[in-house]
C-alpha atoms as a PDB file:
ATOM      1  CA  MET A   1     -56.261 -23.886  -1.761  1.00  0.00           C
ATOM      2  CA  GLN A   2     -57.441 -26.020   1.107  1.00  0.00           C
ATOM      3  CA  ASN A   3     -55.877 -29.173   2.565  1.00  0.00           C
ATOM      4  CA  ILE A   4     -58.067 -32.269   2.638  1.00  0.00           C
ATOM      5  CA  THR A   5     -56.931 -35.254   4.644  1.00  0.00           C
ATOM      6  CA  SER A   6     -58.291 -38.623   3.607  1.00  0.00           C
ATOM      7  CA  ARG A   7     -60.767 -40.313   5.886  1.00  0.00           C
ATOM      8  CA  THR A   8     -61.122 -43.998   6.573  1.00  0.00           C
ATOM      9  CA  VAL A   9     -62.980 -45.972   3.931  1.00  0.00           C
ATOM     10  CA  ALA A  10     -64.378 -49.409   4.729  1.00  0.00           C
ATOM     11  CA  THR A  11     -61.867 -51.781   3.148  1.00  0.00           C
ATOM     12  CA  GLU A  12     -59.623 -54.625   4.173  1.00  0.00           C
ATOM     13  CA  LEU A  13     -56.750 -53.235   2.129  1.00  0.00           C
ATOM     14  CA  PRO A  14     -53.985 -51.341   3.905  1.00  0.00           C
ATOM     15  CA  MET A  15     -54.547 -47.632   3.489  1.00  0.00           C
ATOM     16  CA  ALA A  16     -52.215 -44.652   3.608  1.00  0.00           C
ATOM     17  CA  THR A  17     -53.194 -41.194   4.803  1.00  0.00           C
ATOM     18  CA  LEU A  18     -52.558 -38.428   2.317  1.00  0.00           C
ATOM     19  CA  THR A  19     -53.053 -34.701   2.457  1.00  0.00           C
ATOM     20  CA  VAL A  20     -53.909 -33.131  -0.873  1.00  0.00           C
ATOM     21  CA  ARG A  21     -54.261 -29.474  -1.745  1.00  0.00           C
ATOM     22  CA  VAL A  22     -57.381 -28.741  -3.790  1.00  0.00           C
ATOM     23  CA  PRO A  23     -58.880 -25.425  -4.867  1.00  0.00           C
ATOM     24  CA  GLU A  24     -61.407 -24.000  -2.396  1.00  0.00           C
ATOM     25  CA  GLY A  25     -64.963 -24.803  -3.399  1.00  0.00           C
ATOM     26  CA  THR A  26     -64.026 -28.144  -4.984  1.00  0.00           C
ATOM     27  CA  GLU A  27     -63.671 -30.118  -1.763  1.00  0.00           C
ATOM     28  CA  ALA A  28     -66.972 -32.018  -2.083  1.00  0.00           C
ATOM     29  CA  ALA A  29     -66.320 -32.986  -5.696  1.00  0.00           C
ATOM     30  CA  PHE A  30     -62.795 -34.106  -4.850  1.00  0.00           C
ATOM     31  CA  GLN A  31     -64.073 -36.137  -1.885  1.00  0.00           C
ATOM     32  CA  LYS A  32     -66.582 -37.912  -4.177  1.00  0.00           C
ATOM     33  CA  VAL A  33     -63.802 -38.830  -6.601  1.00  0.00           C
ATOM     34  CA  VAL A  34     -61.675 -40.190  -3.752  1.00  0.00           C
ATOM     35  CA  GLU A  35     -64.586 -42.205  -2.335  1.00  0.00           C
ATOM     36  CA  ALA A  36     -65.402 -43.685  -5.761  1.00  0.00           C
ATOM     37  CA  TRP A  37     -61.754 -44.608  -6.262  1.00  0.00           C
ATOM     38  CA  CYS A  38     -61.551 -46.238  -2.834  1.00  0.00           C
ATOM     39  CA  GLU A  39     -64.733 -48.211  -3.470  1.00  0.00           C
ATOM     40  CA  ALA A  40     -63.350 -49.390  -6.804  1.00  0.00           C
ATOM     41  CA  ALA A  41     -60.041 -50.318  -5.174  1.00  0.00           C
ATOM     42  CA  ALA A  42     -61.908 -52.377  -2.591  1.00  0.00           C
ATOM     43  CA  GLY A  43     -63.961 -54.100  -5.317  1.00  0.00           C
ATOM     44  CA  PRO A  44     -63.053 -57.115  -7.468  1.00  0.00           C
ATOM     45  CA  ALA A  45     -59.322 -56.366  -7.605  1.00  0.00           C
ATOM     46  CA  ALA A  46     -59.127 -56.217  -3.819  1.00  0.00           C
ATOM     47  CA  ALA A  47     -61.181 -59.368  -3.521  1.00  0.00           C
ATOM     48  CA  SER A  48     -58.762 -61.216  -5.789  1.00  0.00           C
ATOM     49  CA  ILE A  49     -55.808 -60.025  -3.717  1.00  0.00           C
ATOM     50  CA  LEU A  50     -57.494 -61.040  -0.488  1.00  0.00           C
ATOM     51  CA  ASN A  51     -58.809 -64.304  -1.977  1.00  0.00           C
ATOM     52  CA  PRO A  52     -56.213 -65.408  -4.542  1.00  0.00           C
ATOM     53  CA  PRO A  53     -57.145 -68.179  -6.954  1.00  0.00           C
ATOM     54  CA  SER A  54     -56.416 -71.743  -5.920  1.00  0.00           C
ATOM     55  CA  PRO A  55     -53.650 -73.558  -7.805  1.00  0.00           C
ATOM     56  CA  ASP A  56     -56.306 -75.482  -9.769  1.00  0.00           C
ATOM     57  CA  GLU A  57     -58.180 -72.295 -10.681  1.00  0.00           C
ATOM     58  CA  LEU A  58     -54.943 -70.639 -11.719  1.00  0.00           C
ATOM     59  CA  LEU A  59     -53.927 -73.578 -13.912  1.00  0.00           C
ATOM     60  CA  SER A  60     -57.377 -73.731 -15.491  1.00  0.00           C
ATOM     61  CA  ALA A  61     -57.329 -70.020 -16.342  1.00  0.00           C
ATOM     62  CA  ALA A  62     -53.742 -70.235 -17.632  1.00  0.00           C
ATOM     63  CA  THR A  63     -54.698 -73.195 -19.830  1.00  0.00           C
ATOM     64  CA  GLU A  64     -57.669 -71.328 -21.295  1.00  0.00           C
ATOM     65  CA  TRP A  65     -55.416 -68.340 -21.931  1.00  0.00           C
ATOM     66  CA  TRP A  66     -52.770 -70.487 -23.657  1.00  0.00           C
ATOM     67  CA  LYS A  67     -55.454 -71.799 -26.024  1.00  0.00           C
ATOM     68  CA  THR A  68     -56.193 -68.220 -27.149  1.00  0.00           C
ATOM     69  CA  LEU A  69     -52.621 -67.477 -28.210  1.00  0.00           C
ATOM     70  CA  ASN A  70     -51.655 -67.388 -31.863  1.00  0.00           C
ATOM     71  CA  ALA A  71     -48.489 -69.064 -33.160  1.00  0.00           C
ATOM     72  CA  ASN A  72     -46.218 -66.014 -32.689  1.00  0.00           C
ATOM     73  CA  GLU A  73     -47.492 -65.388 -29.165  1.00  0.00           C
ATOM     74  CA  ARG A  74     -46.871 -69.020 -28.249  1.00  0.00           C
ATOM     75  CA  ALA A  75     -43.401 -68.838 -29.769  1.00  0.00           C
ATOM     76  CA  VAL A  76     -42.557 -65.797 -27.627  1.00  0.00           C
ATOM     77  CA  TRP A  77     -43.801 -67.486 -24.473  1.00  0.00           C
ATOM     78  CA  ASN A  78     -41.944 -70.681 -25.340  1.00  0.00           C
ATOM     79  CA  LEU A  79     -38.731 -68.628 -25.474  1.00  0.00           C
ATOM     80  CA  TRP A  80     -39.502 -66.876 -22.202  1.00  0.00           C
ATOM     81  CA  ILE A  81     -40.516 -70.094 -20.427  1.00  0.00           C
ATOM     82  CA  ALA A  82     -37.374 -71.911 -21.593  1.00  0.00           C
ATOM     83  CA  LYS A  83     -35.133 -69.080 -20.368  1.00  0.00           C
ATOM     84  CA  ALA A  84     -36.962 -68.287 -17.096  1.00  0.00           C
ATOM     85  CA  PRO A  85     -36.096 -66.724 -14.816  1.00  0.00           C
ATOM     86  CA  GLY A  86     -33.506 -65.373 -17.240  1.00  0.00           C
ATOM     87  CA  LEU A  87     -34.369 -62.946 -20.002  1.00  0.00           C
ATOM     88  CA  VAL A  88     -34.333 -63.231 -23.782  1.00  0.00           C
ATOM     89  CA  PRO A  89     -32.638 -60.602 -25.959  1.00  0.00           C
ATOM     90  CA  ALA A  90     -34.833 -58.814 -28.468  1.00  0.00           C
ATOM     91  CA  SER A  91     -32.645 -60.081 -31.335  1.00  0.00           C
ATOM     92  CA  GLN A  92     -33.473 -63.688 -30.403  1.00  0.00           C
ATOM     93  CA  ILE A  93     -37.205 -62.945 -30.491  1.00  0.00           C
ATOM     94  CA  VAL A  94     -36.818 -61.191 -33.848  1.00  0.00           C
ATOM     95  CA  SER A  95     -34.846 -64.132 -35.247  1.00  0.00           C
ATOM     96  CA  THR A  96     -37.163 -66.846 -33.893  1.00  0.00           C
ATOM     97  CA  LEU A  97     -40.338 -65.155 -35.122  1.00  0.00           C
ATOM     98  CA  GLY A  98     -38.882 -63.832 -38.386  1.00  0.00           C
ATOM     99  CA  LEU A  99     -39.784 -60.245 -37.521  1.00  0.00           C
ATOM    100  CA  LYS A 100     -38.431 -57.222 -39.384  1.00  0.00           C
ATOM    101  CA  SER A 101     -36.941 -55.584 -36.285  1.00  0.00           C
ATOM    102  CA  ALA A 102     -37.142 -55.336 -32.504  1.00  0.00           C
ATOM    103  CA  SER A 103     -39.798 -52.653 -32.876  1.00  0.00           C
ATOM    104  CA  SER A 104     -42.097 -55.382 -34.261  1.00  0.00           C
ATOM    105  CA  ILE A 105     -42.083 -57.234 -30.922  1.00  0.00           C
ATOM    106  CA  LYS A 106     -44.652 -54.849 -29.455  1.00  0.00           C
ATOM    107  CA  GLY A 107     -47.125 -55.857 -32.164  1.00  0.00           C
ATOM    108  CA  VAL A 108     -46.777 -59.491 -31.106  1.00  0.00           C
ATOM    109  CA  VAL A 109     -47.068 -59.008 -27.347  1.00  0.00           C
ATOM    110  CA  ASN A 110     -49.595 -56.177 -27.052  1.00  0.00           C
ATOM    111  CA  ARG A 111     -52.758 -58.343 -27.132  1.00  0.00           C
ATOM    112  CA  MET A 112     -51.658 -61.108 -24.757  1.00  0.00           C
ATOM    113  CA  ALA A 113     -52.661 -59.373 -21.505  1.00  0.00           C
ATOM    114  CA  GLY A 114     -56.133 -58.619 -22.856  1.00  0.00           C
ATOM    115  CA  LYS A 115     -56.579 -62.247 -23.826  1.00  0.00           C
ATOM    116  CA  GLY A 116     -55.661 -63.168 -20.264  1.00  0.00           C
ATOM    117  CA  SER A 117     -58.155 -60.716 -18.782  1.00  0.00           C
ATOM    118  CA  ARG A 118     -60.946 -62.223 -20.858  1.00  0.00           C
ATOM    119  CA  VAL A 119     -60.366 -65.675 -19.314  1.00  0.00           C
ATOM    120  CA  GLY A 120     -59.471 -64.484 -15.805  1.00  0.00           C
ATOM    121  CA  PHE A 121     -55.721 -65.018 -16.001  1.00  0.00           C
ATOM    122  CA  GLN A 122     -53.157 -62.370 -15.136  1.00  0.00           C
ATOM    123  CA  VAL A 123     -50.533 -62.141 -17.837  1.00  0.00           C
ATOM    124  CA  GLY A 124     -47.298 -60.302 -17.243  1.00  0.00           C
ATOM    125  CA  TRP A 125     -43.786 -60.084 -18.539  1.00  0.00           C
ATOM    126  CA  GLN A 126     -40.898 -57.708 -18.268  1.00  0.00           C
ATOM    127  CA  SER A 127     -39.208 -55.672 -20.953  1.00  0.00           C
ATOM    128  CA  HIS A 128     -37.680 -52.780 -19.048  1.00  0.00           C
ATOM    129  CA  ILE A 129     -34.148 -54.148 -18.727  1.00  0.00           C
ATOM    130  CA  VAL A 130     -31.514 -53.282 -21.329  1.00  0.00           C
ATOM    131  CA  ASP A 131     -28.365 -55.361 -21.685  1.00  0.00           C
ATOM    132  CA  PRO A 132     -25.508 -53.062 -20.621  1.00  0.00           C
ATOM    133  CA  ILE A 133     -23.130 -54.508 -23.225  1.00  0.00           C
ATOM    134  CA  THR A 134     -25.292 -55.002 -26.323  1.00  0.00           C
ATOM    135  CA  LYS A 135     -27.763 -52.211 -25.446  1.00  0.00           C
ATOM    136  CA  GLU A 136     -30.663 -54.380 -26.565  1.00  0.00           C
ATOM    137  CA  ARG A 137     -33.885 -54.774 -24.657  1.00  0.00           C
ATOM    138  CA  LEU A 138     -34.387 -58.023 -22.712  1.00  0.00           C
ATOM    139  CA  TYR A 139     -37.766 -59.735 -22.362  1.00  0.00           C
ATOM    140  CA  GLY A 140     -39.145 -62.512 -20.201  1.00  0.00           C
ATOM    141  CA  VAL A 141     -41.302 -63.646 -17.320  1.00  0.00           C
ATOM    142  CA  ARG A 142     -41.474 -61.486 -14.228  1.00  0.00           C
ATOM    143  CA  ASP A 143     -42.150 -61.895 -10.537  1.00  0.00           C
ATOM    144  CA  PHE A 144     -45.711 -61.263  -9.353  1.00  0.00           C
ATOM    145  CA  GLY A 145     -46.825 -59.939  -5.997  1.00  0.00           C
ATOM    146  CA  THR A 146     -43.607 -58.119  -5.134  1.00  0.00           C
ATOM    147  CA  GLY A 147     -45.345 -54.769  -4.776  1.00  0.00           C
ATOM    148  CA  GLU A 148     -43.655 -53.405  -7.890  1.00  0.00           C
ATOM    149  CA  TYR A 149     -46.955 -53.773  -9.756  1.00  0.00           C
ATOM    150  CA  PRO A 150     -49.795 -52.858  -7.373  1.00  0.00           C
ATOM    151  CA  TYR A 151     -52.416 -54.457  -9.622  1.00  0.00           C
ATOM    152  CA  ASP A 152     -50.943 -57.979  -9.268  1.00  0.00           C
ATOM    153  CA  ARG A 153     -53.620 -60.480  -8.280  1.00  0.00           C
ATOM    154  CA  ILE A 154     -51.232 -63.401  -7.852  1.00  0.00           C
ATOM    155  CA  THR A 155     -48.014 -63.987  -5.919  1.00  0.00           C
ATOM    156  CA  LEU A 156     -45.566 -66.083  -7.919  1.00  0.00           C
ATOM    157  CA  SER A 157     -41.878 -65.821  -8.672  1.00  0.00           C
ATOM    158  CA  GLY A 158     -40.858 -65.706 -12.320  1.00  0.00           C
ATOM    159  CA  SER A 159     -39.759 -69.345 -12.060  1.00  0.00           C
ATOM    160  CA  GLU A 160     -43.094 -70.387 -10.533  1.00  0.00           C
ATOM    161  CA  TYR A 161     -44.964 -68.455 -13.235  1.00  0.00           C
ATOM    162  CA  ALA A 162     -42.923 -70.223 -15.930  1.00  0.00           C
ATOM    163  CA  ASP A 163     -43.692 -73.593 -14.279  1.00  0.00           C
ATOM    164  CA  LEU A 164     -47.406 -72.731 -14.278  1.00  0.00           C
ATOM    165  CA  LEU A 165     -47.221 -71.835 -17.974  1.00  0.00           C
ATOM    166  CA  ARG A 166     -45.411 -75.094 -18.786  1.00  0.00           C
ATOM    167  CA  GLU A 167     -48.282 -76.978 -17.153  1.00  0.00           C
ATOM    168  CA  ALA A 168     -50.871 -74.827 -18.930  1.00  0.00           C
ATOM    169  CA  ARG A 169     -49.149 -75.352 -22.284  1.00  0.00           C
ATOM    170  CA  ALA A 170     -49.107 -79.135 -21.761  1.00  0.00           C
ATOM    171  CA  ALA A 171     -52.752 -79.156 -20.676  1.00  0.00           C
ATOM    172  CA  ALA A 172     -53.795 -77.027 -23.679  1.00  0.00           C
ATOM    173  CA  GLU A 173     -51.874 -79.242 -26.104  1.00  0.00           C
ATOM    174  CA  ASN A 174     -53.415 -82.402 -24.617  1.00  0.00           C
ATOM    175  CA  ALA A 175     -56.985 -81.039 -24.627  1.00  0.00           C
END
């Protein structure tokens, strides 16, 4: 094994120095992988972090995204928006949408982020918290740009994100 220490790559993003052990003879291949990754990291995602969308661009993209949602997806977001920044218990989502069980929620929410990507809008929610008393999963809007999700392209609190979605919903319904 040989230690390889990263070298500086032309980017405006903050970089960390790492030392990685790789098998001898694979150094050049590993360096190519690292360089390709760094170039990709400095590409469109980095540009969107360094040049975030204007409020008008963000609202426009959010409105286009809202228009792509089906009735169940809109119902879920209506719950989350109404409760923001609080979270909604899985049982409430199941009841509101008439689902068979909490395991059916994933089938409703799993296409929403892709729909956002297609219109240039970052979609995100949280579902990692479990109520300590009822033991049921809680869902809702999340904070963006906190560093918890390194791929965030926007910086909004959960409340600000919910406000943006309220505006987008109104704009989509009035279009």
